[in-house]
Amino acid sequence: MSEPSSLTPLISTRPLSRFSTNPSVLWRTGALFVAAGILTSAFGSHALQSTAFLTGSHYAIFNGLGLCIISLHPRFGTHRFAGPAIAVGGFIFSVTIMAVVLGRGLLSGLGPVIPLGAVIMAAGYISLAI
């Protein structure tokens, strides 16, 4: 592997993975996010009655729907950055919120990871506008 130079692009022109160029995988990932969000939302509202847990559940649903919509677009369904960033950022954001709530203080060290997930997720959506 060669050393990067000032001419090396910041974002690689090669696909990040099979995931980043396959609308079918984006659709399935989105559908799984929505299903997980619905199930965790029901659990959070009935068993935990935690608004923070519900926030994580709702973001899973929103990002799942976003991934499903993106997968249908001819250009964005194969975007090299948007889909993976939304999926990874949404997963980090939602799961760390839920882990902190379920850990009841034991996992409070994960708190600083939550904004990282939000930034990655937002970067994915912003990349769609560029």
N, C-alpha and C. Protein backbone atom coordinates (compact mmCIF):
# COMPACT_ATOMS: atom_id res chain seq x y z
N MET A 1 0.85 -1.17 0.00
CA MET A 1 0.00 0.00 0.00
C MET A 1 0.90 1.23 0.00
N SER A 2 0.57 2.21 -0.82
CA SER A 2 1.40 3.40 -0.93
C SER A 2 1.03 4.43 0.13
N GLU A 3 1.95 5.28 0.41
CA GLU A 3 1.74 6.35 1.38
C GLU A 3 0.84 7.42 0.78
N PRO A 4 -0.07 8.00 1.55
CA PRO A 4 -0.92 9.06 1.02
C PRO A 4 -0.11 10.32 0.75
N SER A 5 -0.52 11.06 -0.26
CA SER A 5 0.13 12.32 -0.60
C SER A 5 -0.92 13.41 -0.61
N SER A 6 -0.51 14.62 -0.97
CA SER A 6 -1.47 15.73 -1.03
C SER A 6 -2.47 15.52 -2.16
N LEU A 7 -2.19 14.62 -3.08
CA LEU A 7 -3.10 14.34 -4.18
C LEU A 7 -4.07 13.21 -3.87
N THR A 8 -3.88 12.52 -2.75
CA THR A 8 -4.76 11.41 -2.37
C THR A 8 -6.12 11.96 -1.98
N PRO A 9 -7.21 11.45 -2.60
CA PRO A 9 -8.54 11.95 -2.24
C PRO A 9 -8.91 11.60 -0.80
N LEU A 10 -9.68 12.47 -0.16
CA LEU A 10 -10.09 12.23 1.22
C LEU A 10 -11.04 11.04 1.30
N ILE A 11 -11.90 10.91 0.31
CA ILE A 11 -12.83 9.80 0.27
C ILE A 11 -12.44 8.93 -0.91
N SER A 12 -12.23 7.67 -0.64
CA SER A 12 -11.80 6.74 -1.67
C SER A 12 -12.84 6.64 -2.78
N THR A 13 -12.36 6.44 -4.00
CA THR A 13 -13.26 6.24 -5.13
C THR A 13 -13.67 4.79 -5.26
N ARG A 14 -13.03 3.90 -4.50
CA ARG A 14 -13.40 2.49 -4.49
C ARG A 14 -14.58 2.29 -3.56
N PRO A 15 -15.46 1.34 -3.86
CA PRO A 15 -16.57 1.06 -2.93
C PRO A 15 -16.04 0.64 -1.57
N LEU A 16 -16.71 1.07 -0.52
CA LEU A 16 -16.32 0.70 0.83
C LEU A 16 -16.53 -0.78 1.07
N SER A 17 -17.58 -1.32 0.51
CA SER A 17 -17.90 -2.73 0.68
C SER A 17 -19.04 -3.08 -0.26
N ARG A 18 -19.42 -4.32 -0.27
CA ARG A 18 -20.58 -4.74 -1.05
C ARG A 18 -21.82 -4.00 -0.55
N PHE A 19 -21.88 -3.74 0.74
CA PHE A 19 -23.00 -3.06 1.36
C PHE A 19 -23.23 -1.68 0.76
N SER A 20 -22.15 -0.96 0.47
CA SER A 20 -22.29 0.42 0.04
C SER A 20 -22.81 0.57 -1.37
N THR A 21 -22.81 -0.49 -2.16
CA THR A 21 -23.23 -0.37 -3.54
C THR A 21 -24.43 -1.25 -3.88
N ASN A 22 -25.09 -1.80 -2.89
CA ASN A 22 -26.15 -2.74 -3.14
C ASN A 22 -27.47 -2.24 -2.53
N PRO A 23 -28.38 -1.72 -3.37
CA PRO A 23 -29.66 -1.23 -2.85
C PRO A 23 -30.45 -2.30 -2.09
N SER A 24 -30.34 -3.55 -2.49
CA SER A 24 -31.06 -4.63 -1.82
C SER A 24 -30.62 -4.76 -0.36
N VAL A 25 -29.33 -4.62 -0.12
CA VAL A 25 -28.83 -4.72 1.26
C VAL A 25 -29.27 -3.49 2.06
N LEU A 26 -29.28 -2.31 1.42
CA LEU A 26 -29.78 -1.12 2.12
C LEU A 26 -31.24 -1.31 2.50
N TRP A 27 -32.03 -1.84 1.59
CA TRP A 27 -33.46 -2.07 1.86
C TRP A 27 -33.63 -3.03 3.04
N ARG A 28 -32.91 -4.14 3.01
CA ARG A 28 -33.03 -5.13 4.09
C ARG A 28 -32.56 -4.56 5.43
N THR A 29 -31.46 -3.82 5.39
CA THR A 29 -30.96 -3.20 6.62
C THR A 29 -31.99 -2.22 7.16
N GLY A 30 -32.57 -1.42 6.28
CA GLY A 30 -33.60 -0.48 6.69
C GLY A 30 -34.80 -1.19 7.30
N ALA A 31 -35.22 -2.27 6.67
CA ALA A 31 -36.37 -3.03 7.19
C ALA A 31 -36.05 -3.61 8.56
N LEU A 32 -34.84 -4.11 8.75
CA LEU A 32 -34.44 -4.64 10.07
C LEU A 32 -34.39 -3.54 11.12
N PHE A 33 -33.90 -2.34 10.73
CA PHE A 33 -33.89 -1.21 11.66
C PHE A 33 -35.31 -0.87 12.10
N VAL A 34 -36.25 -0.83 11.14
CA VAL A 34 -37.63 -0.50 11.47
C VAL A 34 -38.22 -1.55 12.41
N ALA A 35 -38.01 -2.82 12.08
CA ALA A 35 -38.53 -3.89 12.94
C ALA A 35 -37.93 -3.81 14.35
N ALA A 36 -36.62 -3.61 14.43
CA ALA A 36 -35.97 -3.50 15.74
C ALA A 36 -36.49 -2.28 16.50
N GLY A 37 -36.69 -1.18 15.78
CA GLY A 37 -37.21 0.03 16.42
C GLY A 37 -38.61 -0.16 16.96
N ILE A 38 -39.44 -0.85 16.21
CA ILE A 38 -40.81 -1.11 16.67
C ILE A 38 -40.79 -1.99 17.91
N LEU A 39 -40.01 -3.05 17.88
CA LEU A 39 -39.96 -3.96 19.02
C LEU A 39 -39.37 -3.30 20.26
N THR A 40 -38.28 -2.56 20.08
CA THR A 40 -37.66 -1.90 21.24
C THR A 40 -38.53 -0.75 21.74
N SER A 41 -39.27 -0.12 20.85
CA SER A 41 -40.18 0.95 21.27
C SER A 41 -41.29 0.39 22.15
N ALA A 42 -41.83 -0.74 21.75
CA ALA A 42 -42.87 -1.38 22.57
C ALA A 42 -42.30 -1.77 23.93
N PHE A 43 -41.12 -2.37 23.93
CA PHE A 43 -40.47 -2.75 25.18
C PHE A 43 -40.19 -1.53 26.05
N GLY A 44 -39.64 -0.50 25.44
CA GLY A 44 -39.29 0.71 26.19
C GLY A 44 -40.48 1.42 26.78
N SER A 45 -41.58 1.47 26.01
CA SER A 45 -42.73 2.21 26.52
C SER A 45 -43.49 1.43 27.59
N HIS A 46 -43.53 0.12 27.48
CA HIS A 46 -44.30 -0.67 28.44
C HIS A 46 -43.48 -1.12 29.65
N ALA A 47 -42.29 -1.66 29.38
CA ALA A 47 -41.49 -2.23 30.47
C ALA A 47 -40.63 -1.18 31.18
N LEU A 48 -40.07 -0.25 30.43
CA LEU A 48 -39.12 0.70 31.03
C LEU A 48 -39.72 2.07 31.28
N GLN A 49 -40.65 2.49 30.48
CA GLN A 49 -41.21 3.83 30.54
C GLN A 49 -40.10 4.89 30.55
N SER A 50 -39.14 4.70 29.64
CA SER A 50 -37.99 5.60 29.55
C SER A 50 -38.04 6.38 28.24
N THR A 51 -38.06 7.71 28.36
CA THR A 51 -38.07 8.52 27.14
C THR A 51 -36.75 8.42 26.38
N ALA A 52 -35.64 8.24 27.09
CA ALA A 52 -34.35 8.10 26.41
C ALA A 52 -34.33 6.81 25.58
N PHE A 53 -34.82 5.73 26.13
CA PHE A 53 -34.88 4.47 25.41
C PHE A 53 -35.77 4.60 24.18
N LEU A 54 -36.89 5.30 24.34
CA LEU A 54 -37.78 5.52 23.20
C LEU A 54 -37.13 6.37 22.13
N THR A 55 -36.30 7.32 22.52
CA THR A 55 -35.57 8.12 21.54
C THR A 55 -34.70 7.23 20.68
N GLY A 56 -33.96 6.33 21.29
CA GLY A 56 -33.13 5.39 20.54
C GLY A 56 -33.97 4.53 19.61
N SER A 57 -35.12 4.06 20.08
CA SER A 57 -36.02 3.25 19.27
C SER A 57 -36.56 4.03 18.08
N HIS A 58 -36.96 5.26 18.33
CA HIS A 58 -37.53 6.07 17.25
C HIS A 58 -36.48 6.40 16.19
N TYR A 59 -35.27 6.67 16.61
CA TYR A 59 -34.21 6.93 15.62
C TYR A 59 -33.92 5.69 14.79
N ALA A 60 -34.04 4.51 15.38
CA ALA A 60 -33.86 3.28 14.59
C ALA A 60 -34.94 3.20 13.52
N ILE A 61 -36.16 3.54 13.87
CA ILE A 61 -37.25 3.52 12.90
C ILE A 61 -37.02 4.56 11.81
N PHE A 62 -36.69 5.79 12.20
CA PHE A 62 -36.48 6.86 11.22
C PHE A 62 -35.35 6.51 10.25
N ASN A 63 -34.25 6.01 10.79
CA ASN A 63 -33.12 5.67 9.92
C ASN A 63 -33.43 4.46 9.05
N GLY A 64 -34.20 3.53 9.58
CA GLY A 64 -34.62 2.38 8.77
C GLY A 64 -35.47 2.82 7.59
N LEU A 65 -36.41 3.70 7.84
CA LEU A 65 -37.24 4.23 6.75
C LEU A 65 -36.38 5.02 5.76
N GLY A 66 -35.43 5.78 6.30
CA GLY A 66 -34.52 6.52 5.43
C GLY A 66 -33.71 5.60 4.53
N LEU A 67 -33.20 4.52 5.09
CA LEU A 67 -32.44 3.56 4.29
C LEU A 67 -33.31 2.91 3.22
N CYS A 68 -34.55 2.59 3.57
CA CYS A 68 -35.46 2.00 2.58
C CYS A 68 -35.71 2.98 1.43
N ILE A 69 -35.95 4.23 1.75
CA ILE A 69 -36.19 5.25 0.73
C ILE A 69 -34.95 5.44 -0.13
N ILE A 70 -33.79 5.55 0.50
CA ILE A 70 -32.54 5.73 -0.23
C ILE A 70 -32.29 4.57 -1.19
N SER A 71 -32.62 3.35 -0.76
CA SER A 71 -32.36 2.18 -1.59
C SER A 71 -33.17 2.21 -2.89
N LEU A 72 -34.28 2.94 -2.90
CA LEU A 72 -35.13 3.01 -4.09
C LEU A 72 -34.65 4.04 -5.11
N HIS A 73 -33.80 4.95 -4.69
CA HIS A 73 -33.32 6.01 -5.58
C HIS A 73 -32.22 5.47 -6.48
N PRO A 74 -32.29 5.74 -7.79
CA PRO A 74 -31.29 5.16 -8.70
C PRO A 74 -29.86 5.61 -8.41
N ARG A 75 -29.67 6.83 -7.96
CA ARG A 75 -28.32 7.32 -7.68
C ARG A 75 -27.89 7.06 -6.24
N PHE A 76 -28.77 7.33 -5.30
CA PHE A 76 -28.41 7.21 -3.89
C PHE A 76 -28.39 5.77 -3.40
N GLY A 77 -29.07 4.88 -4.09
CA GLY A 77 -29.06 3.47 -3.71
C GLY A 77 -27.70 2.84 -3.85
N THR A 78 -26.83 3.45 -4.63
CA THR A 78 -25.46 2.94 -4.80
C THR A 78 -24.42 3.94 -4.29
N HIS A 79 -24.85 4.91 -3.52
CA HIS A 79 -23.93 5.91 -2.96
C HIS A 79 -22.90 5.22 -2.08
N ARG A 80 -21.67 5.58 -2.23
CA ARG A 80 -20.58 4.89 -1.52
C ARG A 80 -20.49 5.23 -0.04
N PHE A 81 -21.06 6.34 0.36
CA PHE A 81 -20.89 6.78 1.74
C PHE A 81 -22.21 6.87 2.50
N ALA A 82 -23.25 7.38 1.87
CA ALA A 82 -24.49 7.71 2.58
C ALA A 82 -25.11 6.52 3.30
N GLY A 83 -25.41 5.46 2.59
CA GLY A 83 -26.06 4.31 3.21
C GLY A 83 -25.28 3.71 4.36
N PRO A 84 -23.99 3.39 4.13
CA PRO A 84 -23.21 2.84 5.23
C PRO A 84 -23.10 3.79 6.43
N ALA A 85 -22.95 5.09 6.17
CA ALA A 85 -22.83 6.05 7.28
C ALA A 85 -24.13 6.15 8.06
N ILE A 86 -25.26 6.16 7.37
CA ILE A 86 -26.55 6.23 8.05
C ILE A 86 -26.77 4.96 8.88
N ALA A 87 -26.45 3.81 8.28
CA ALA A 87 -26.64 2.54 8.99
C ALA A 87 -25.73 2.43 10.21
N VAL A 88 -24.45 2.71 10.03
CA VAL A 88 -23.49 2.59 11.14
C VAL A 88 -23.76 3.65 12.21
N GLY A 89 -23.94 4.90 11.77
CA GLY A 89 -24.21 5.97 12.73
C GLY A 89 -25.51 5.76 13.48
N GLY A 90 -26.55 5.35 12.76
CA GLY A 90 -27.84 5.08 13.40
C GLY A 90 -27.75 3.94 14.39
N PHE A 91 -27.01 2.90 14.02
CA PHE A 91 -26.83 1.76 14.92
C PHE A 91 -26.09 2.19 16.19
N ILE A 92 -24.98 2.90 16.02
CA ILE A 92 -24.20 3.36 17.18
C ILE A 92 -25.07 4.25 18.07
N PHE A 93 -25.76 5.20 17.46
CA PHE A 93 -26.59 6.14 18.22
C PHE A 93 -27.68 5.41 19.00
N SER A 94 -28.48 4.61 18.30
CA SER A 94 -29.61 3.94 18.94
C SER A 94 -29.17 2.92 19.99
N VAL A 95 -28.20 2.10 19.64
CA VAL A 95 -27.78 1.02 20.55
C VAL A 95 -27.10 1.58 21.80
N THR A 96 -26.29 2.62 21.66
CA THR A 96 -25.62 3.15 22.86
C THR A 96 -26.62 3.82 23.79
N ILE A 97 -27.63 4.50 23.23
CA ILE A 97 -28.67 5.08 24.10
C ILE A 97 -29.36 3.97 24.88
N MET A 98 -29.75 2.92 24.16
CA MET A 98 -30.45 1.81 24.82
C MET A 98 -29.56 1.11 25.85
N ALA A 99 -28.28 0.96 25.54
CA ALA A 99 -27.35 0.30 26.46
C ALA A 99 -27.17 1.13 27.73
N VAL A 100 -27.07 2.43 27.58
CA VAL A 100 -26.91 3.30 28.75
C VAL A 100 -28.16 3.21 29.64
N VAL A 101 -29.34 3.21 29.02
CA VAL A 101 -30.58 3.11 29.80
C VAL A 101 -30.67 1.75 30.49
N LEU A 102 -30.42 0.68 29.75
CA LEU A 102 -30.52 -0.66 30.33
C LEU A 102 -29.44 -0.92 31.37
N GLY A 103 -28.25 -0.30 31.19
CA GLY A 103 -27.16 -0.50 32.14
C GLY A 103 -27.35 0.23 33.45
N ARG A 104 -28.29 1.15 33.49
CA ARG A 104 -28.62 1.90 34.71
C ARG A 104 -27.37 2.37 35.47
N GLY A 105 -26.53 3.08 34.77
CA GLY A 105 -25.34 3.64 35.41
C GLY A 105 -24.08 2.83 35.19
N LEU A 106 -24.23 1.53 35.00
CA LEU A 106 -23.05 0.69 34.79
C LEU A 106 -22.38 0.96 33.45
N LEU A 107 -23.16 1.36 32.47
CA LEU A 107 -22.64 1.61 31.14
C LEU A 107 -22.63 3.10 30.80
N SER A 108 -22.64 3.95 31.81
CA SER A 108 -22.68 5.39 31.56
C SER A 108 -21.44 5.88 30.82
N GLY A 109 -20.38 5.10 30.83
CA GLY A 109 -19.16 5.46 30.08
C GLY A 109 -19.39 5.46 28.58
N LEU A 110 -20.46 4.81 28.13
CA LEU A 110 -20.79 4.81 26.71
C LEU A 110 -21.44 6.12 26.27
N GLY A 111 -21.84 6.95 27.22
CA GLY A 111 -22.50 8.22 26.91
C GLY A 111 -21.80 9.06 25.85
N PRO A 112 -20.48 9.24 25.92
CA PRO A 112 -19.80 10.04 24.92
C PRO A 112 -19.82 9.44 23.51
N VAL A 113 -20.16 8.17 23.38
CA VAL A 113 -20.21 7.53 22.06
C VAL A 113 -21.48 7.95 21.32
N ILE A 114 -22.52 8.32 22.04
CA ILE A 114 -23.81 8.67 21.43
C ILE A 114 -23.65 9.81 20.42
N PRO A 115 -23.00 10.93 20.75
CA PRO A 115 -22.84 12.00 19.76
C PRO A 115 -22.01 11.57 18.54
N LEU A 116 -21.08 10.65 18.73
CA LEU A 116 -20.30 10.14 17.59
C LEU A 116 -21.24 9.46 16.59
N GLY A 117 -22.15 8.64 17.08
CA GLY A 117 -23.14 8.01 16.21
C GLY A 117 -23.99 9.04 15.49
N ALA A 118 -24.39 10.08 16.21
CA ALA A 118 -25.21 11.14 15.61
C ALA A 118 -24.46 11.86 14.50
N VAL A 119 -23.18 12.14 14.71
CA VAL A 119 -22.37 12.83 13.71
C VAL A 119 -22.21 11.97 12.46
N ILE A 120 -21.93 10.69 12.64
CA ILE A 120 -21.76 9.78 11.49
C ILE A 120 -23.08 9.68 10.73
N MET A 121 -24.17 9.55 11.45
CA MET A 121 -25.50 9.46 10.84
C MET A 121 -25.81 10.73 10.07
N ALA A 122 -25.60 11.88 10.66
CA ALA A 122 -25.87 13.16 10.00
C ALA A 122 -24.98 13.34 8.77
N ALA A 123 -23.72 12.90 8.87
CA ALA A 123 -22.81 12.99 7.72
C ALA A 123 -23.34 12.19 6.54
N GLY A 124 -23.96 11.04 6.82
CA GLY A 124 -24.55 10.25 5.75
C GLY A 124 -25.68 11.00 5.06
N TYR A 125 -26.54 11.63 5.84
CA TYR A 125 -27.64 12.39 5.24
C TYR A 125 -27.14 13.64 4.51
N ILE A 126 -26.15 14.30 5.09
CA ILE A 126 -25.58 15.49 4.45
C ILE A 126 -24.93 15.11 3.12
N SER A 127 -24.28 13.94 3.07
CA SER A 127 -23.62 13.52 1.83
C SER A 127 -24.62 13.33 0.69
N LEU A 128 -25.87 13.08 1.01
CA LEU A 128 -26.89 12.98 -0.03
C LEU A 128 -27.18 14.32 -0.69
N ALA A 129 -26.96 15.40 0.06
CA ALA A 129 -27.23 16.74 -0.46
C ALA A 129 -26.07 17.31 -1.25
N ILE A 130 -24.92 16.71 -1.10
CA ILE A 130 -23.72 17.25 -1.78
C ILE A 130 -23.64 16.74 -3.20
